[in-house]
């Protein structure tokens, strides 16, 4: 009986080999099409990989026949695809997942054996990983015992619910990752009290109400990414970085970028500097009555902030006391997997279609970010929602992740060409913003640079390079976890950890720095708060109300702009 089961299982897994067929399955997409020819140039290595794969499959089969625990790859830490008991108690399913992991391992070896260099090899790694992740036996009803158990137990109702979920998501144009009915911006997300005190065509500026008797003399202006909504920094109260900063006695201002539509489709990079960063700093300083502000930039918001501050430095404007950089790229030499989506051909295509005006859909951006972590952000929801007919749980961070934003075509094209494609921001004078050649070295202000160790969007070693581009004193902290969870690490819970080294001691090699840094438990928020204390500019009585005689409150926070939903746009 076991042999019959194995024969059926082998029919499923045969699609993984030979390796040449795997290359063909990926298709002629860029460098992936070069895989088979690259392997063919080294036939001995290819033969070795195929031989070892066959030997490993035979050993796996023999161990399962003999009832022994096979010496085979195990799921990585946190991989829950094969956690159900049926995957181990039923020989058929055990063979399926173990054979799959073997095939995945040897597919990765075949990629490394291909004689390709640089970005071509990186793109091949990405393409093969996407293909391998998609073909997991957990992703198909016929080979997932949990799906079959749910279908039998519900007499097929789980499959009917799954079909209804699929149709609903097709209409919405995205996969639901959370119970969206559980959250509402302004009701249980982005609820830190405050008011919109200024707005223009591109952004609203929120001033938050104080919670301490005295506040810093200098305002703290936060510039979030424009490719996401600002409330990642103001999720539920227990996770809110904004609420924490207000509680530390800072007068916090937040830029809330508009979810642009066709009327704003002509905005470019310089418009985001002029109407966004420059105006936010000006208005905040004027309301508070301070010569300088403390500034904070997160992700693309940090890149915008860097360009703006470099322009201001070139023009002799002394408006900022200190700068906090949260998971920000300034040197795009090694931009991580996002860089794999950017090449001359793709940028030219975008420039031809939306470069002079138009919209890059937020849904498209959201798909790209999800694809970077398909095993976390795509396939678990396909299995749960469509195959099992389940509903995703309520999770505020994933609600934010799905609340996508559009970008103006000219801004997007200028951004990816200047940074990901040509990496001009790091070269003094190579990039011109608002008519001014920018030089990051002229930003002679104390900087707090945070990177996160598992960040797949802003690799921490690339963020570390900012230390050698910026002027002024620098403090570098490496947080645990990834691009978002590493930033949203509340001080009250003290989860995770961070690494910090000797002040001012930053060797060129980030690995040398890490070897000498000390890991400390808890949140980096406390380290940052202590650092920012030195840049308060003294204390003053907390204002009784937000705004000023000139800048009267327009509406309560979170304002209208953050509530606008991205809709598919023409062009």
Protein backbone atom coordinates (compact mmCIF):
# COMPACT_ATOMS: atom_id res chain seq x y z
CA UNK A 1 0.00 0.00 0.00
CA UNK A 2 2.82 2.36 0.92
CA UNK A 3 4.45 1.73 -2.47
CA UNK A 4 1.20 2.65 -4.21
CA UNK A 5 0.98 5.84 -2.15
CA UNK A 6 4.59 6.64 -3.01
CA UNK A 7 3.92 6.10 -6.67
CA UNK A 8 1.09 8.61 -6.59
CA UNK A 9 3.21 11.07 -4.62
CA UNK A 10 6.04 10.68 -7.09
CA UNK A 11 3.73 11.76 -9.90
CA UNK A 12 3.17 15.02 -8.02
CA UNK A 13 6.83 15.65 -7.28
CA UNK A 14 8.19 14.66 -10.68
CA UNK A 15 7.41 18.17 -11.90
CA UNK A 16 10.45 19.40 -9.97
CA UNK A 17 13.03 17.61 -12.12
CA UNK A 18 15.00 17.52 -14.31
CA UNK A 19 16.50 20.92 -13.66
CA UNK A 20 16.31 21.97 -17.30
CA UNK A 21 12.51 21.58 -17.13
CA UNK A 22 12.47 23.75 -14.02
CA UNK A 23 14.27 26.47 -15.93
CA UNK A 24 11.72 26.27 -18.72
CA UNK A 25 8.87 26.48 -16.23
CA UNK A 26 10.09 29.85 -14.99
CA UNK A 27 9.70 31.19 -18.48
CA UNK A 28 11.56 33.77 -20.51
CA UNK A 29 11.39 36.55 -17.90
CA UNK A 30 14.63 38.51 -17.95
CA UNK A 31 17.66 36.72 -16.59
CA UNK A 32 15.60 33.65 -15.62
CA UNK A 33 15.67 32.66 -19.29
CA UNK A 34 19.47 32.47 -19.05
CA UNK A 35 19.40 29.77 -16.39
CA UNK A 36 19.41 26.71 -18.63
CA UNK A 37 22.20 28.02 -20.91
CA UNK A 38 24.23 29.08 -17.86
CA UNK A 39 23.90 25.60 -16.34
CA UNK A 40 24.68 23.99 -19.67
CA UNK A 41 28.10 25.67 -19.61
CA UNK A 42 28.92 23.58 -16.55
CA UNK A 43 27.46 20.12 -17.30
CA UNK A 44 29.53 18.35 -14.65
CA UNK A 45 28.15 20.50 -11.86
CA UNK A 46 24.63 20.06 -13.19
CA UNK A 47 25.09 16.28 -13.30
CA UNK A 48 26.38 16.31 -9.72
CA UNK A 49 23.37 18.25 -8.49
CA UNK A 50 20.95 15.93 -10.27
CA UNK A 51 22.76 12.84 -8.99
CA UNK A 52 22.72 14.06 -5.40
CA UNK A 53 19.06 14.96 -5.73
CA UNK A 54 18.23 11.43 -6.94
CA UNK A 55 20.29 9.90 -4.12
CA UNK A 56 18.54 12.09 -1.55
CA UNK A 57 15.12 11.13 -2.92
CA UNK A 58 16.05 7.44 -2.76
CA UNK A 59 17.28 7.84 0.82
CA UNK A 60 14.07 9.62 1.77
CA UNK A 61 11.98 6.88 0.24
CA UNK A 62 13.99 4.13 1.94
CA UNK A 63 13.74 5.80 5.34
CA UNK A 64 9.97 6.20 5.07
CA UNK A 65 9.57 2.56 3.94
CA UNK A 66 11.61 1.40 6.93
CA UNK A 67 9.70 3.64 9.31
CA UNK A 68 12.81 5.66 10.19
CA UNK A 69 13.08 9.41 10.60
CA UNK A 70 14.70 10.56 7.34
CA UNK A 71 17.79 12.74 7.23
CA UNK A 72 16.12 15.44 5.11
CA UNK A 73 15.59 19.22 5.20
CA UNK A 74 13.27 20.57 7.87
CA UNK A 75 10.94 23.58 7.54
CA UNK A 76 12.66 26.82 8.52
CA UNK A 77 11.84 28.42 11.84
CA UNK A 78 8.41 30.02 11.67
CA UNK A 79 7.31 28.00 8.61
CA UNK A 80 3.86 26.70 9.56
CA UNK A 81 2.89 25.21 6.20
CA UNK A 82 3.41 21.61 7.35
CA UNK A 83 2.54 21.93 11.03
CA UNK A 84 -0.70 19.90 11.01
CA UNK A 85 -0.42 16.36 12.39
CA UNK A 86 -1.53 14.77 9.09
CA UNK A 87 1.67 15.92 7.40
CA UNK A 88 3.62 13.57 9.70
CA UNK A 89 1.13 10.85 10.57
CA UNK A 90 0.17 9.99 6.98
CA UNK A 91 3.07 8.54 4.89
CA UNK A 92 1.71 10.03 1.68
CA UNK A 93 1.69 13.58 3.01
CA UNK A 94 4.98 13.18 4.82
CA UNK A 95 6.61 12.11 1.59
CA UNK A 96 5.04 15.06 -0.22
CA UNK A 97 6.40 17.78 2.05
CA UNK A 98 9.78 16.19 2.58
CA UNK A 99 10.25 15.60 -1.14
CA UNK A 100 9.17 19.20 -1.79
CA UNK A 101 11.76 20.60 0.63
CA UNK A 102 14.44 18.42 -0.97
CA UNK A 103 13.52 19.72 -4.40
CA UNK A 104 13.55 23.29 -3.09
CA UNK A 105 17.03 22.82 -1.68
CA UNK A 106 18.45 21.45 -4.90
CA UNK A 107 16.69 24.13 -6.95
CA UNK A 108 18.54 26.70 -4.86
CA UNK A 109 21.80 24.85 -5.46
CA UNK A 110 21.13 24.88 -9.19
CA UNK A 111 20.68 28.65 -9.07
CA UNK A 112 24.02 29.08 -7.36
CA UNK A 113 25.65 26.79 -9.94
CA UNK A 114 24.45 28.97 -12.83
CA UNK A 115 27.29 31.07 -14.25
CA UNK A 116 25.57 34.42 -13.84
CA UNK A 117 26.82 37.52 -12.06
CA UNK A 118 25.44 40.43 -10.06
CA UNK A 119 21.82 41.40 -10.56
CA UNK A 120 21.22 38.57 -13.04
CA UNK A 121 21.97 36.01 -10.31
CA UNK A 122 19.86 37.92 -7.78
CA UNK A 123 16.90 38.03 -10.14
CA UNK A 124 17.22 34.33 -10.79
CA UNK A 125 17.24 33.61 -7.06
CA UNK A 126 14.08 35.67 -6.67
CA UNK A 127 12.29 34.07 -9.64
CA UNK A 128 13.08 30.53 -8.50
CA UNK A 129 12.06 31.28 -4.93
CA UNK A 130 8.70 32.61 -6.17
CA UNK A 131 8.18 29.50 -8.25
CA UNK A 132 9.21 27.14 -5.47
CA UNK A 133 6.98 28.91 -2.94
CA UNK A 134 4.01 28.78 -5.31
CA UNK A 135 4.35 25.02 -5.92
CA UNK A 136 4.30 24.00 -2.27
CA UNK A 137 1.94 21.01 -1.81
CA UNK A 138 0.27 23.05 0.94
CA UNK A 139 -1.04 25.44 -1.72
CA UNK A 140 -3.23 22.86 -3.51
CA UNK A 141 -6.44 21.32 -2.24
CA UNK A 142 -5.59 17.82 -3.50
CA UNK A 143 -2.28 17.71 -1.63
CA UNK A 144 -3.15 19.57 1.57
CA UNK A 145 -4.61 17.27 4.26
CA UNK A 146 -5.96 20.19 6.30
CA UNK A 147 -8.02 21.36 3.31
CA UNK A 148 -9.39 17.88 2.69
CA UNK A 149 -10.21 17.38 6.38
CA UNK A 150 -12.11 20.69 6.49
CA UNK A 151 -14.01 19.82 3.30
CA UNK A 152 -15.05 16.39 4.64
CA UNK A 153 -16.01 17.75 8.06
CA UNK A 154 -18.14 20.53 6.56
CA UNK A 155 -19.60 18.37 3.75
CA UNK A 156 -18.08 20.70 1.20
CA UNK A 157 -19.25 23.94 2.80
CA UNK A 158 -15.63 25.07 3.39
CA UNK A 159 -14.98 24.86 -0.35
CA UNK A 160 -18.13 26.85 -1.10
CA UNK A 161 -17.10 29.53 1.39
CA UNK A 162 -13.64 29.57 -0.15
CA UNK A 163 -15.08 30.14 -3.61
CA UNK A 164 -17.18 33.01 -2.27
CA UNK A 165 -14.09 34.50 -0.63
CA UNK A 166 -12.17 34.17 -3.88
CA UNK A 167 -14.87 35.93 -5.89
CA UNK A 168 -15.07 38.73 -3.33
CA UNK A 169 -11.30 39.26 -3.46
CA UNK A 170 -11.33 39.20 -7.26
CA UNK A 171 -13.88 42.02 -7.19
CA UNK A 172 -11.74 43.93 -4.66
CA UNK A 173 -8.57 43.30 -6.68
CA UNK A 174 -6.51 41.98 -3.75
CA UNK A 175 -6.17 39.16 -1.24
CA UNK A 176 -7.60 39.97 2.17
CA UNK A 177 -4.97 39.51 4.87
CA UNK A 178 -7.01 40.61 7.88
CA UNK A 179 -10.56 41.09 9.07
CA UNK A 180 -11.01 44.57 7.66
CA UNK A 181 -14.31 45.08 9.48
CA UNK A 182 -12.41 45.08 12.79
CA UNK A 183 -10.61 48.37 12.08
CA UNK A 184 -11.40 51.91 11.06
CA UNK A 185 -9.00 54.82 10.78
CA UNK A 186 -10.07 57.38 13.36
CA UNK A 187 -12.04 54.84 15.41
CA UNK A 188 -9.43 52.38 16.67
CA UNK A 189 -6.44 53.25 14.47
CA UNK A 190 -4.78 56.69 14.25
CA UNK A 191 -6.63 57.89 17.35
CA UNK A 192 -3.95 59.97 19.07
CA UNK A 193 -5.74 63.30 19.75
CA UNK A 194 -4.78 66.25 17.58
CA UNK A 195 -5.87 68.45 14.70
CA UNK A 196 -5.06 69.11 11.08
CA UNK A 197 -3.55 72.60 11.24
CA UNK A 198 -2.47 73.01 7.61
CA UNK A 199 -3.20 71.45 4.25
CA UNK A 200 -2.35 71.85 0.59
CA UNK A 201 -2.91 69.79 -2.55
CA UNK A 202 -0.42 67.12 -1.49
CA UNK A 203 -0.47 66.79 2.28
CA UNK A 204 -2.17 67.63 5.55
CA UNK A 205 -0.11 68.54 8.61
CA UNK A 206 -1.36 67.15 11.92
CA UNK A 207 -0.39 68.64 15.27
CA UNK A 208 -0.97 66.33 18.22
CA UNK A 209 -2.32 67.57 21.54
CA UNK A 210 0.18 67.57 24.44
CA UNK A 211 -0.20 65.15 27.35
CA UNK A 212 2.51 66.63 29.61
CA UNK A 213 2.52 69.94 31.54
CA UNK A 214 5.63 71.08 29.67
CA UNK A 215 6.81 70.33 26.15
CA UNK A 216 10.04 70.70 24.20
CA UNK A 217 10.76 74.15 22.83
CA UNK A 218 11.46 72.59 19.43
CA UNK A 219 8.76 70.70 17.52
CA UNK A 220 9.26 67.16 16.24
CA UNK A 221 8.20 66.86 12.58
CA UNK A 222 7.63 63.32 11.26
CA UNK A 223 7.81 62.57 7.52
CA UNK A 224 6.36 59.09 6.84
CA UNK A 225 6.67 57.19 3.55
CA UNK A 226 4.39 58.46 0.79
CA UNK A 227 3.93 54.92 -0.54
CA UNK A 228 2.04 54.00 2.64
CA UNK A 229 -0.24 55.83 5.03
CA UNK A 230 1.24 57.61 8.01
CA UNK A 231 -0.67 55.72 10.67
CA UNK A 232 1.89 52.92 10.74
CA UNK A 233 3.39 55.28 13.31
CA UNK A 234 0.02 55.68 15.05
CA UNK A 235 -1.64 52.27 15.12
CA UNK A 236 -3.64 51.24 18.17
CA UNK A 237 -2.69 53.26 21.28
CA UNK A 238 -0.53 50.49 22.73
CA UNK A 239 1.50 50.33 19.49
CA UNK A 240 1.62 54.04 18.66
CA UNK A 241 5.04 55.62 18.21
CA UNK A 242 3.31 59.00 17.93
CA UNK A 243 1.61 58.58 21.30
CA UNK A 244 4.94 57.56 22.83
CA UNK A 245 6.71 60.64 21.47
CA UNK A 246 3.90 62.91 22.70
CA UNK A 247 4.13 61.25 26.10
CA UNK A 248 7.85 62.05 26.16
CA UNK A 249 6.97 65.74 26.04
CA UNK A 250 7.40 66.52 22.35
CA UNK A 251 5.08 68.64 20.23
CA UNK A 252 4.64 66.20 17.37
CA UNK A 253 3.66 67.19 13.83
CA UNK A 254 2.87 64.52 11.26
CA UNK A 255 2.81 64.80 7.47
CA UNK A 256 -0.25 62.97 6.13
CA UNK A 257 0.34 62.46 2.40
CA UNK A 258 -2.63 62.63 0.08
CA UNK A 259 -3.75 59.44 -1.63
CA UNK A 260 -3.39 61.08 -5.03
CA UNK A 261 -5.87 60.86 -7.88
CA UNK A 262 -5.84 62.08 -11.49
CA UNK A 263 -5.88 65.73 -10.42
CA UNK A 264 -2.53 65.25 -8.70
CA UNK A 265 -1.08 62.96 -11.38
CA UNK A 266 1.40 65.58 -12.56
CA UNK A 267 3.27 66.00 -9.26
CA UNK A 268 6.99 65.26 -9.32
CA UNK A 269 9.72 64.62 -6.76
CA UNK A 270 10.37 68.33 -6.25
CA UNK A 271 6.68 68.90 -5.47
CA UNK A 272 6.96 66.43 -2.60
CA UNK A 273 9.87 68.47 -1.28
CA UNK A 274 8.26 71.90 -1.74
CA UNK A 275 4.67 71.10 -0.76
CA UNK A 276 5.57 68.36 1.70
CA UNK A 277 8.82 68.56 3.64
CA UNK A 278 9.58 72.28 3.29
CA UNK A 279 6.05 73.33 4.21
CA UNK A 280 5.80 70.92 7.15
CA UNK A 281 9.03 72.22 8.68
CA UNK A 282 8.06 75.84 8.06
CA UNK A 283 4.56 75.61 9.49
CA UNK A 284 5.60 73.58 12.55
CA UNK A 285 8.37 76.03 13.42
CA UNK A 286 6.04 78.99 12.94
CA UNK A 287 3.27 77.51 15.12
CA UNK A 288 5.69 76.68 17.94
CA UNK A 289 7.80 79.79 17.51
CA UNK A 290 11.09 77.89 17.19
CA UNK A 291 14.01 78.63 14.89
CA UNK A 292 14.69 74.93 14.42
CA UNK A 293 12.73 71.69 14.47
CA UNK A 294 13.74 68.12 15.15
CA UNK A 295 12.94 66.03 12.07
CA UNK A 296 12.19 62.34 11.58
CA UNK A 297 11.95 60.42 8.30
CA UNK A 298 10.75 56.83 7.84
CA UNK A 299 11.67 54.77 4.75
CA UNK A 300 10.94 56.82 1.59
CA UNK A 301 9.99 59.68 3.92
CA UNK A 302 13.60 59.64 5.10
CA UNK A 303 14.88 59.77 1.53
CA UNK A 304 12.62 62.76 0.83
CA UNK A 305 13.77 64.39 4.07
CA UNK A 306 17.44 63.89 3.14
CA UNK A 307 16.97 65.54 -0.26
CA UNK A 308 15.04 68.43 1.32
CA UNK A 309 17.63 69.03 4.04
CA UNK A 310 20.44 68.95 1.49
CA UNK A 311 18.63 71.62 -0.55
CA UNK A 312 18.10 73.72 2.55
CA UNK A 313 21.76 73.35 3.54
CA UNK A 314 22.87 74.47 0.07
CA UNK A 315 20.63 77.52 0.38
CA UNK A 316 21.95 78.37 3.84
CA UNK A 317 18.66 77.66 5.62
CA UNK A 318 19.29 76.50 9.20
CA UNK A 319 15.89 74.98 10.07
CA UNK A 320 16.66 71.60 11.66
CA UNK A 321 18.37 70.74 14.95
CA UNK A 322 18.54 66.93 14.69
CA UNK A 323 17.42 64.18 12.32
CA UNK A 324 16.09 60.68 12.99
CA UNK A 325 16.34 58.23 10.10
CA UNK A 326 14.13 55.13 10.44
CA UNK A 327 14.98 52.29 8.01
CA UNK A 328 15.98 54.78 5.31
CA UNK A 329 18.00 54.21 2.14
CA UNK A 330 20.35 56.98 1.03
CA UNK A 331 22.88 54.75 -0.76
CA UNK A 332 21.08 52.46 -3.22
CA UNK A 333 24.05 50.36 -4.29
CA UNK A 334 22.54 47.31 -2.59
CA UNK A 335 18.82 48.11 -2.27
CA UNK A 336 17.61 44.60 -1.54
CA UNK A 337 15.00 42.70 -3.50
CA UNK A 338 13.03 45.80 -4.46
CA UNK A 339 15.96 46.68 -6.72
CA UNK A 340 15.26 43.54 -8.74
CA UNK A 341 12.11 45.17 -10.12
CA UNK A 342 14.01 48.18 -11.47
CA UNK A 343 16.08 48.18 -14.66
CA UNK A 344 16.52 50.55 -17.58
CA UNK A 345 13.84 48.85 -19.65
CA UNK A 346 11.19 48.90 -16.92
CA UNK A 347 11.92 52.53 -15.98
CA UNK A 348 11.73 53.66 -19.61
CA UNK A 349 8.40 51.88 -19.97
CA UNK A 350 7.06 53.74 -16.93
CA UNK A 351 8.45 57.04 -18.15
CA UNK A 352 6.73 56.54 -21.51
CA UNK A 353 3.36 55.76 -19.93
CA UNK A 354 3.09 57.82 -16.72
CA UNK A 355 6.32 59.83 -16.61
CA UNK A 356 4.67 63.02 -17.88
CA UNK A 357 1.46 62.51 -15.90
CA UNK A 358 -0.61 59.67 -14.58
CA UNK A 359 -0.94 57.39 -11.57
CA UNK A 360 0.97 54.37 -10.34
CA UNK A 361 -1.74 52.28 -8.69
CA UNK A 362 -1.45 51.57 -4.99
CA UNK A 363 -2.71 48.04 -5.65
CA UNK A 364 0.29 47.42 -7.89
CA UNK A 365 2.68 48.67 -5.22
CA UNK A 366 0.98 46.51 -2.61
CA UNK A 367 1.33 43.43 -4.83
CA UNK A 368 5.06 44.02 -5.26
CA UNK A 369 5.62 44.34 -1.51
CA UNK A 370 3.59 41.19 -0.83
CA UNK A 371 5.50 39.26 -3.48
CA UNK A 372 8.74 39.94 -1.63
CA UNK A 373 7.40 37.78 1.21
CA UNK A 374 4.95 35.51 -0.57
CA UNK A 375 5.16 32.75 2.03
CA UNK A 376 4.07 35.23 4.69
CA UNK A 377 1.80 37.63 2.81
CA UNK A 378 0.28 35.65 -0.09
CA UNK A 379 0.09 31.87 0.18
CA UNK A 380 -1.11 31.53 3.80
CA UNK A 381 -4.15 33.64 2.88
CA UNK A 382 -4.78 31.75 -0.36
CA UNK A 383 -4.86 28.53 1.65
CA UNK A 384 -6.89 29.86 4.58
CA UNK A 385 -9.36 32.05 2.67
CA UNK A 386 -9.92 30.07 -0.55
CA UNK A 387 -9.03 26.42 0.15
CA UNK A 388 -10.25 26.21 3.75
CA UNK A 389 -13.01 28.81 3.47
CA UNK A 390 -11.75 30.60 6.54
CA UNK A 391 -11.66 34.26 7.49
CA UNK A 392 -8.37 36.03 8.23
CA UNK A 393 -7.87 37.18 11.84
CA UNK A 394 -7.90 40.84 12.86
CA UNK A 395 -4.39 42.33 12.73
CA UNK A 396 -3.87 46.09 12.70
CA UNK A 397 -0.52 46.02 10.93
CA UNK A 398 -1.91 43.95 8.04
CA UNK A 399 -4.93 46.26 7.80
CA UNK A 400 -2.48 49.13 7.31
CA UNK A 401 -0.51 47.04 4.82
CA UNK A 402 -3.62 46.59 2.68
CA UNK A 403 -4.60 50.28 2.85
CA UNK A 404 -2.54 51.12 -0.21
CA UNK A 405 -1.73 54.51 -1.74
CA UNK A 406 -1.34 55.76 -5.31
CA UNK A 407 1.72 57.70 -6.46
CA UNK A 408 1.95 60.37 -9.16
CA UNK A 409 3.69 58.94 -12.22
CA UNK A 410 6.31 61.72 -12.60
CA UNK A 411 7.32 61.48 -8.93
CA UNK A 412 7.62 57.69 -9.09
CA UNK A 413 9.68 57.73 -12.29
CA UNK A 414 12.04 60.43 -11.02
CA UNK A 415 12.48 58.58 -7.73
CA UNK A 416 13.31 55.14 -9.13
CA UNK A 417 15.63 56.53 -11.83
CA UNK A 418 17.56 58.82 -9.48
CA UNK A 419 17.92 56.27 -6.69
CA UNK A 420 17.41 52.59 -7.51
CA UNK A 421 18.64 52.84 -11.10
CA UNK A 422 21.36 55.51 -11.05
CA UNK A 423 22.08 55.94 -7.30
CA UNK A 424 22.72 59.67 -7.67
CA UNK A 425 21.67 60.80 -4.20
CA UNK A 426 24.89 59.52 -2.63
CA UNK A 427 27.13 61.43 -5.09
CA UNK A 428 27.66 65.09 -4.12
CA UNK A 429 26.16 67.31 -6.82
CA UNK A 430 24.94 64.42 -9.00
CA UNK A 431 21.26 64.92 -8.19
CA UNK A 432 19.53 68.27 -8.67
CA UNK A 433 16.44 68.93 -6.54
CA UNK A 434 14.46 72.17 -6.74
CA UNK A 435 17.20 73.56 -9.01
CA UNK A 436 19.94 72.88 -6.43
CA UNK A 437 22.70 70.22 -6.67
CA UNK A 438 22.42 68.27 -3.42
CA UNK A 439 25.21 67.05 -1.15
CA UNK A 440 24.18 64.92 1.85
CA UNK A 441 27.48 65.72 3.51
CA UNK A 442 26.24 69.27 4.05
CA UNK A 443 23.54 68.02 6.44
CA UNK A 444 25.71 68.89 9.46
CA UNK A 445 23.25 67.84 12.15
CA UNK A 446 23.22 65.06 14.77
CA UNK A 447 21.65 61.95 13.27
CA UNK A 448 19.99 58.94 14.90
CA UNK A 449 20.07 56.13 12.31
CA UNK A 450 17.90 53.06 12.91
CA UNK A 451 18.14 49.94 10.76
CA UNK A 452 16.47 46.57 11.38
CA UNK A 453 18.32 43.30 11.04
CA UNK A 454 15.76 41.32 9.00
CA UNK A 455 14.68 44.22 6.79
CA UNK A 456 14.07 42.99 3.23
CA UNK A 457 13.17 46.47 1.91
CA UNK A 458 16.02 48.53 3.40
CA UNK A 459 18.86 46.06 4.11
CA UNK A 460 20.54 47.10 7.33
CA UNK A 461 24.03 47.10 5.83
CA UNK A 462 22.83 49.58 3.21
CA UNK A 463 21.22 51.78 5.87
CA UNK A 464 24.53 51.67 7.77
CA UNK A 465 26.22 53.36 4.79
CA UNK A 466 24.25 56.52 5.58
CA UNK A 467 26.78 57.14 8.35
CA UNK A 468 29.40 57.92 5.70
CA UNK A 469 27.17 60.17 3.60
CA UNK A 470 25.80 62.50 6.28
CA UNK A 471 27.65 65.22 8.10
CA UNK A 472 27.45 65.79 11.86
CA UNK A 473 27.53 63.36 14.77
CA UNK A 474 25.89 59.99 14.26
CA UNK A 475 24.28 57.36 16.47
CA UNK A 476 23.50 53.98 14.90
CA UNK A 477 21.13 51.41 16.38
CA UNK A 478 20.22 48.05 14.84
CA UNK A 479 16.79 46.76 15.82
CA UNK A 480 15.58 43.18 15.71
CA UNK A 481 12.89 42.00 13.27
CA UNK A 482 11.97 43.56 9.93
CA UNK A 483 11.15 46.79 8.13
CA UNK A 484 7.90 47.52 9.96
CA UNK A 485 7.81 45.26 13.03
CA UNK A 486 11.33 46.38 13.93
CA UNK A 487 10.19 50.01 13.98
CA UNK A 488 6.86 49.39 15.71
CA UNK A 489 8.41 47.93 18.86
CA UNK A 490 6.59 49.57 21.79
CA UNK A 491 8.63 50.56 24.81
CA UNK A 492 5.84 49.46 27.17
CA UNK A 493 6.09 45.80 26.13
CA UNK A 494 9.89 45.69 25.71
CA UNK A 495 9.69 42.95 23.11
CA UNK A 496 12.56 41.96 20.85
CA UNK A 497 16.00 43.53 21.20
CA UNK A 498 18.49 45.90 19.58
CA UNK A 499 22.23 46.24 19.04
CA UNK A 500 24.28 49.32 19.89
CA UNK A 501 28.03 49.94 19.78
CA UNK A 502 30.47 52.48 21.12
CA UNK A 503 29.42 56.06 20.42
CA UNK A 504 31.16 57.44 17.35
CA UNK A 505 32.96 54.17 16.54
CA UNK A 506 31.66 53.16 13.11
CA UNK A 507 34.08 51.12 10.99
CA UNK A 508 33.54 51.02 7.24
CA UNK A 509 32.52 47.35 7.33
CA UNK A 510 29.10 46.96 9.00
CA UNK A 511 29.94 43.37 9.96
CA UNK A 512 32.90 44.64 11.99
CA UNK A 513 30.55 47.03 13.77
CA UNK A 514 28.06 44.22 14.48
CA UNK A 515 30.80 41.99 15.87
CA UNK A 516 31.65 44.67 18.42
CA UNK A 517 28.09 45.80 19.20
CA UNK A 518 26.16 44.64 22.23
CA UNK A 519 22.69 43.13 22.00
CA UNK A 520 20.31 44.54 24.57
CA UNK A 521 16.78 43.35 25.33
CA UNK A 522 13.80 45.63 24.88
CA UNK A 523 12.76 48.46 22.58
CA UNK A 524 15.05 50.92 20.83
CA UNK A 525 12.41 53.61 21.49
CA UNK A 526 13.92 54.32 24.92
CA UNK A 527 17.40 54.81 23.45
CA UNK A 528 15.99 57.20 20.88
CA UNK A 529 14.01 59.16 23.50
CA UNK A 530 17.14 59.66 25.59
CA UNK A 531 19.09 60.77 22.50
CA UNK A 532 16.38 63.25 21.51
CA UNK A 533 16.31 64.75 25.00
CA UNK A 534 19.57 66.54 24.21
CA UNK A 535 17.93 68.34 21.28
CA UNK A 536 14.76 69.64 22.94
CA UNK A 537 15.99 73.24 23.14
CA UNK A 538 14.64 73.51 26.67
CA UNK A 539 11.06 73.29 27.91
CA UNK A 540 8.02 75.54 27.73
CA UNK A 541 4.47 75.30 29.07
CA UNK A 542 2.31 73.00 27.01
CA UNK A 543 -0.05 74.96 24.71
CA UNK A 544 -3.72 74.95 25.58
CA UNK A 545 -4.74 74.25 22.01
CA UNK A 546 -3.24 73.19 18.71
CA UNK A 547 -2.39 75.57 15.87
CA UNK A 548 -2.02 79.31 16.13
CA UNK A 549 -3.80 82.52 15.18
CA UNK A 550 -2.66 82.02 11.59
CA UNK A 551 -2.97 78.24 11.47
CA UNK A 552 -6.29 77.39 13.05
CA UNK A 553 -7.41 73.76 13.30
CA UNK A 554 -9.12 72.62 10.10
CA UNK A 555 -10.49 69.30 11.34
CA UNK A 556 -9.68 66.72 14.04
CA UNK A 557 -6.95 64.18 13.44
CA UNK A 558 -6.55 61.91 11.54
CA UNK A 559 -8.02 64.17 8.84
CA UNK A 560 -9.55 63.47 5.44
CA UNK A 561 -6.48 62.65 3.40
CA UNK A 562 -5.55 59.48 5.28
CA UNK A 563 -9.08 58.13 4.88
CA UNK A 564 -9.05 58.34 1.08
CA UNK A 565 -8.88 54.87 -0.46
CA UNK A 566 -6.76 54.00 -3.47
CA UNK A 567 -8.82 53.26 -6.54
CA UNK A 568 -7.64 51.89 -9.88
CA UNK A 569 -6.72 54.77 -12.14
CA UNK A 570 -6.42 55.07 -15.88
CA UNK A 571 -2.98 55.48 -17.47
